[in-house]
Amino acid sequence: FRLIRRGTQKPSDAETRRNPRSRSARLRVAERTSAPPMQED
């Protein structure tokens, strides 16, 4: 995966007014690359 944005994105003030439960939400964004999946042990 390649990180699109470092850290997290919080909901906007407008979003929290429309949806109070979104206050605790944190969004992380990544893009899948062409690299093969990692093997588990």
PDB file of N, CA and C in Angstrom:
ATOM      1  N   PHE A   1       0.840  -1.185   0.000  1.00  0.00           N
ATOM      2  CA  PHE A   1       0.000   0.000   0.000  1.00  0.00           C
ATOM      3  C   PHE A   1       0.881   1.243   0.000  1.00  0.00           C
ATOM      4  N   ARG A   2       0.357   2.305  -0.569  1.00  0.00           N
ATOM      5  CA  ARG A   2       1.036   3.595  -0.562  1.00  0.00           C
ATOM      6  C   ARG A   2       0.126   4.574   0.166  1.00  0.00           C
ATOM      7  N   LEU A   3       0.679   5.268   1.167  1.00  0.00           N
ATOM      8  CA  LEU A   3      -0.117   6.233   1.920  1.00  0.00           C
ATOM      9  C   LEU A   3      -0.426   7.449   1.058  1.00  0.00           C
ATOM     10  N   ILE A   4      -1.691   7.832   0.995  1.00  0.00           N
ATOM     11  CA  ILE A   4      -2.120   9.016   0.258  1.00  0.00           C
ATOM     12  C   ILE A   4      -1.964  10.250   1.140  1.00  0.00           C
ATOM     13  N   ARG A   5      -2.259  10.092   2.389  1.00  0.00           N
ATOM     14  CA  ARG A   5      -2.192  11.199   3.341  1.00  0.00           C
ATOM     15  C   ARG A   5      -1.585  10.672   4.637  1.00  0.00           C
ATOM     16  N   ARG A   6      -0.582  11.371   5.154  1.00  0.00           N
ATOM     17  CA  ARG A   6       0.032  10.954   6.419  1.00  0.00           C
ATOM     18  C   ARG A   6      -0.901  11.300   7.567  1.00  0.00           C
ATOM     19  N   GLY A   7      -0.966  10.427   8.548  1.00  0.00           N
ATOM     20  CA  GLY A   7      -1.815  10.678   9.711  1.00  0.00           C
ATOM     21  C   GLY A   7      -3.275  10.389   9.414  1.00  0.00           C
ATOM     22  N   THR A   8      -4.150  11.085  10.126  1.00  0.00           N
ATOM     23  CA  THR A   8      -5.583  10.858   9.977  1.00  0.00           C
ATOM     24  C   THR A   8      -6.289  12.140   9.593  1.00  0.00           C
ATOM     25  N   GLN A   9      -7.474  11.983   9.045  1.00  0.00           N
ATOM     26  CA  GLN A   9      -8.319  13.122   8.699  1.00  0.00           C
ATOM     27  C   GLN A   9      -9.533  13.092   9.616  1.00  0.00           C
ATOM     28  N   LYS A  10      -9.813  14.209  10.253  1.00  0.00           N
ATOM     29  CA  LYS A  10     -10.955  14.317  11.156  1.00  0.00           C
ATOM     30  C   LYS A  10     -12.149  14.877  10.392  1.00  0.00           C
ATOM     31  N   PRO A  11     -13.362  14.619  10.856  1.00  0.00           N
ATOM     32  CA  PRO A  11     -14.542  15.182  10.189  1.00  0.00           C
ATOM     33  C   PRO A  11     -14.572  16.703  10.335  1.00  0.00           C
ATOM     34  N   SER A  12     -15.144  17.359   9.351  1.00  0.00           N
ATOM     35  CA  SER A  12     -15.247  18.821   9.389  1.00  0.00           C
ATOM     36  C   SER A  12     -16.279  19.251  10.430  1.00  0.00           C
ATOM     37  N   ASP A  13     -16.271  20.536  10.758  1.00  0.00           N
ATOM     38  CA  ASP A  13     -17.264  21.070  11.692  1.00  0.00           C
ATOM     39  C   ASP A  13     -18.679  20.878  11.145  1.00  0.00           C
ATOM     40  N   ALA A  14     -18.840  21.061   9.829  1.00  0.00           N
ATOM     41  CA  ALA A  14     -20.161  20.879   9.216  1.00  0.00           C
ATOM     42  C   ALA A  14     -20.630  19.431   9.362  1.00  0.00           C
ATOM     43  N   GLU A  15     -19.707  18.485   9.179  1.00  0.00           N
ATOM     44  CA  GLU A  15     -20.061  17.065   9.317  1.00  0.00           C
ATOM     45  C   GLU A  15     -20.486  16.748  10.744  1.00  0.00           C
ATOM     46  N   THR A  16     -19.758  17.259  11.733  1.00  0.00           N
ATOM     47  CA  THR A  16     -20.121  16.954  13.119  1.00  0.00           C
ATOM     48  C   THR A  16     -21.435  17.618  13.524  1.00  0.00           C
ATOM     49  N   ARG A  17     -21.779  18.740  12.898  1.00  0.00           N
ATOM     50  CA  ARG A  17     -23.095  19.346  13.172  1.00  0.00           C
ATOM     51  C   ARG A  17     -24.213  18.480  12.585  1.00  0.00           C
ATOM     52  N   ARG A  18     -23.995  17.954  11.361  1.00  0.00           N
ATOM     53  CA  ARG A  18     -25.004  17.092  10.721  1.00  0.00           C
ATOM     54  C   ARG A  18     -25.073  15.723  11.383  1.00  0.00           C
ATOM     55  N   ASN A  19     -23.909  15.226  11.840  1.00  0.00           N
ATOM     56  CA  ASN A  19     -23.820  13.867  12.367  1.00  0.00           C
ATOM     57  C   ASN A  19     -22.930  13.880  13.613  1.00  0.00           C
ATOM     58  N   PRO A  20     -23.487  14.133  14.796  1.00  0.00           N
ATOM     59  CA  PRO A  20     -22.681  14.243  16.018  1.00  0.00           C
ATOM     60  C   PRO A  20     -21.839  13.003  16.328  1.00  0.00           C
ATOM     61  N   ARG A  21     -22.279  11.827  15.901  1.00  0.00           N
ATOM     62  CA  ARG A  21     -21.509  10.606  16.185  1.00  0.00           C
ATOM     63  C   ARG A  21     -20.198  10.561  15.413  1.00  0.00           C
ATOM     64  N   SER A  22     -20.041  11.401  14.404  1.00  0.00           N
ATOM     65  CA  SER A  22     -18.808  11.401  13.615  1.00  0.00           C
ATOM     66  C   SER A  22     -17.640  12.057  14.343  1.00  0.00           C
ATOM     67  N   ARG A  23     -17.884  12.654  15.516  1.00  0.00           N
ATOM     68  CA  ARG A  23     -16.811  13.341  16.253  1.00  0.00           C
ATOM     69  C   ARG A  23     -15.610  12.444  16.492  1.00  0.00           C
ATOM     70  N   SER A  24     -15.843  11.175  16.780  1.00  0.00           N
ATOM     71  CA  SER A  24     -14.737  10.272  17.110  1.00  0.00           C
ATOM     72  C   SER A  24     -14.148   9.575  15.879  1.00  0.00           C
ATOM     73  N   ALA A  25     -14.668   9.841  14.703  1.00  0.00           N
ATOM     74  CA  ALA A  25     -14.191   9.165  13.493  1.00  0.00           C
ATOM     75  C   ALA A  25     -12.830   9.704  13.064  1.00  0.00           C
ATOM     76  N   ARG A  26     -11.979   8.801  12.563  1.00  0.00           N
ATOM     77  CA  ARG A  26     -10.686   9.174  11.998  1.00  0.00           C
ATOM     78  C   ARG A  26     -10.528   8.384  10.707  1.00  0.00           C
ATOM     79  N   LEU A  27     -10.186   9.061   9.625  1.00  0.00           N
ATOM     80  CA  LEU A  27     -10.063   8.420   8.324  1.00  0.00           C
ATOM     81  C   LEU A  27      -8.594   8.271   7.960  1.00  0.00           C
ATOM     82  N   ARG A  28      -8.210   7.074   7.536  1.00  0.00           N
ATOM     83  CA  ARG A  28      -6.862   6.814   7.034  1.00  0.00           C
ATOM     84  C   ARG A  28      -6.996   6.389   5.580  1.00  0.00           C
ATOM     85  N   VAL A  29      -6.117   6.902   4.726  1.00  0.00           N
ATOM     86  CA  VAL A  29      -6.243   6.650   3.293  1.00  0.00           C
ATOM     87  C   VAL A  29      -4.966   6.023   2.757  1.00  0.00           C
ATOM     88  N   ALA A  30      -5.118   4.925   1.999  1.00  0.00           N
ATOM     89  CA  ALA A  30      -3.991   4.270   1.345  1.00  0.00           C
ATOM     90  C   ALA A  30      -4.461   3.732  -0.003  1.00  0.00           C
ATOM     91  N   GLU A  31      -3.511   3.556  -0.904  1.00  0.00           N
ATOM     92  CA  GLU A  31      -3.813   3.037  -2.238  1.00  0.00           C
ATOM     93  C   GLU A  31      -3.055   1.730  -2.427  1.00  0.00           C
ATOM     94  N   ARG A  32      -3.734   0.731  -2.955  1.00  0.00           N
ATOM     95  CA  ARG A  32      -3.082  -0.556  -3.207  1.00  0.00           C
ATOM     96  C   ARG A  32      -2.127  -0.395  -4.393  1.00  0.00           C
ATOM     97  N   THR A  33      -0.920  -0.935  -4.245  1.00  0.00           N
ATOM     98  CA  THR A  33       0.066  -0.894  -5.316  1.00  0.00           C
ATOM     99  C   THR A  33       0.104  -2.248  -6.019  1.00  0.00           C
ATOM    100  N   SER A  34       0.950  -2.358  -7.017  1.00  0.00           N
ATOM    101  CA  SER A  34       1.054  -3.626  -7.746  1.00  0.00           C
ATOM    102  C   SER A  34       1.965  -4.630  -7.041  1.00  0.00           C
ATOM    103  N   ALA A  35       2.548  -4.269  -5.910  1.00  0.00           N
ATOM    104  CA  ALA A  35       3.418  -5.182  -5.157  1.00  0.00           C
ATOM    105  C   ALA A  35       2.614  -6.394  -4.685  1.00  0.00           C
ATOM    106  N   PRO A  36       3.223  -7.575  -4.683  1.00  0.00           N
ATOM    107  CA  PRO A  36       2.508  -8.768  -4.221  1.00  0.00           C
ATOM    108  C   PRO A  36       2.226  -8.684  -2.722  1.00  0.00           C
ATOM    109  N   PRO A  37       1.193  -9.378  -2.251  1.00  0.00           N
ATOM    110  CA  PRO A  37       0.871  -9.372  -0.816  1.00  0.00           C
ATOM    111  C   PRO A  37       2.013  -9.970   0.002  1.00  0.00           C
ATOM    112  N   MET A  38       2.159  -9.505   1.232  1.00  0.00           N
ATOM    113  CA  MET A  38       3.185 -10.049   2.130  1.00  0.00           C
ATOM    114  C   MET A  38       2.754 -11.433   2.590  1.00  0.00           C
ATOM    115  N   GLN A  39       3.713 -12.339   2.723  1.00  0.00           N
ATOM    116  CA  GLN A  39       3.439 -13.694   3.187  1.00  0.00           C
ATOM    117  C   GLN A  39       3.415 -13.716   4.706  1.00  0.00           C
ATOM    118  N   GLU A  40       2.451 -14.426   5.283  1.00  0.00           N
ATOM    119  CA  GLU A  40       2.387 -14.587   6.732  1.00  0.00           C
ATOM    120  C   GLU A  40       3.250 -15.760   7.143  1.00  0.00           C
ATOM    121  N   ASP A  41       3.783 -15.718   8.357  1.00  0.00           N
ATOM    122  CA  ASP A  41       4.614 -16.825   8.860  1.00  0.00           C
ATOM    123  C   ASP A  41       3.778 -17.988   9.278  1.00  0.00           C
TER     124      ASP A  41
END
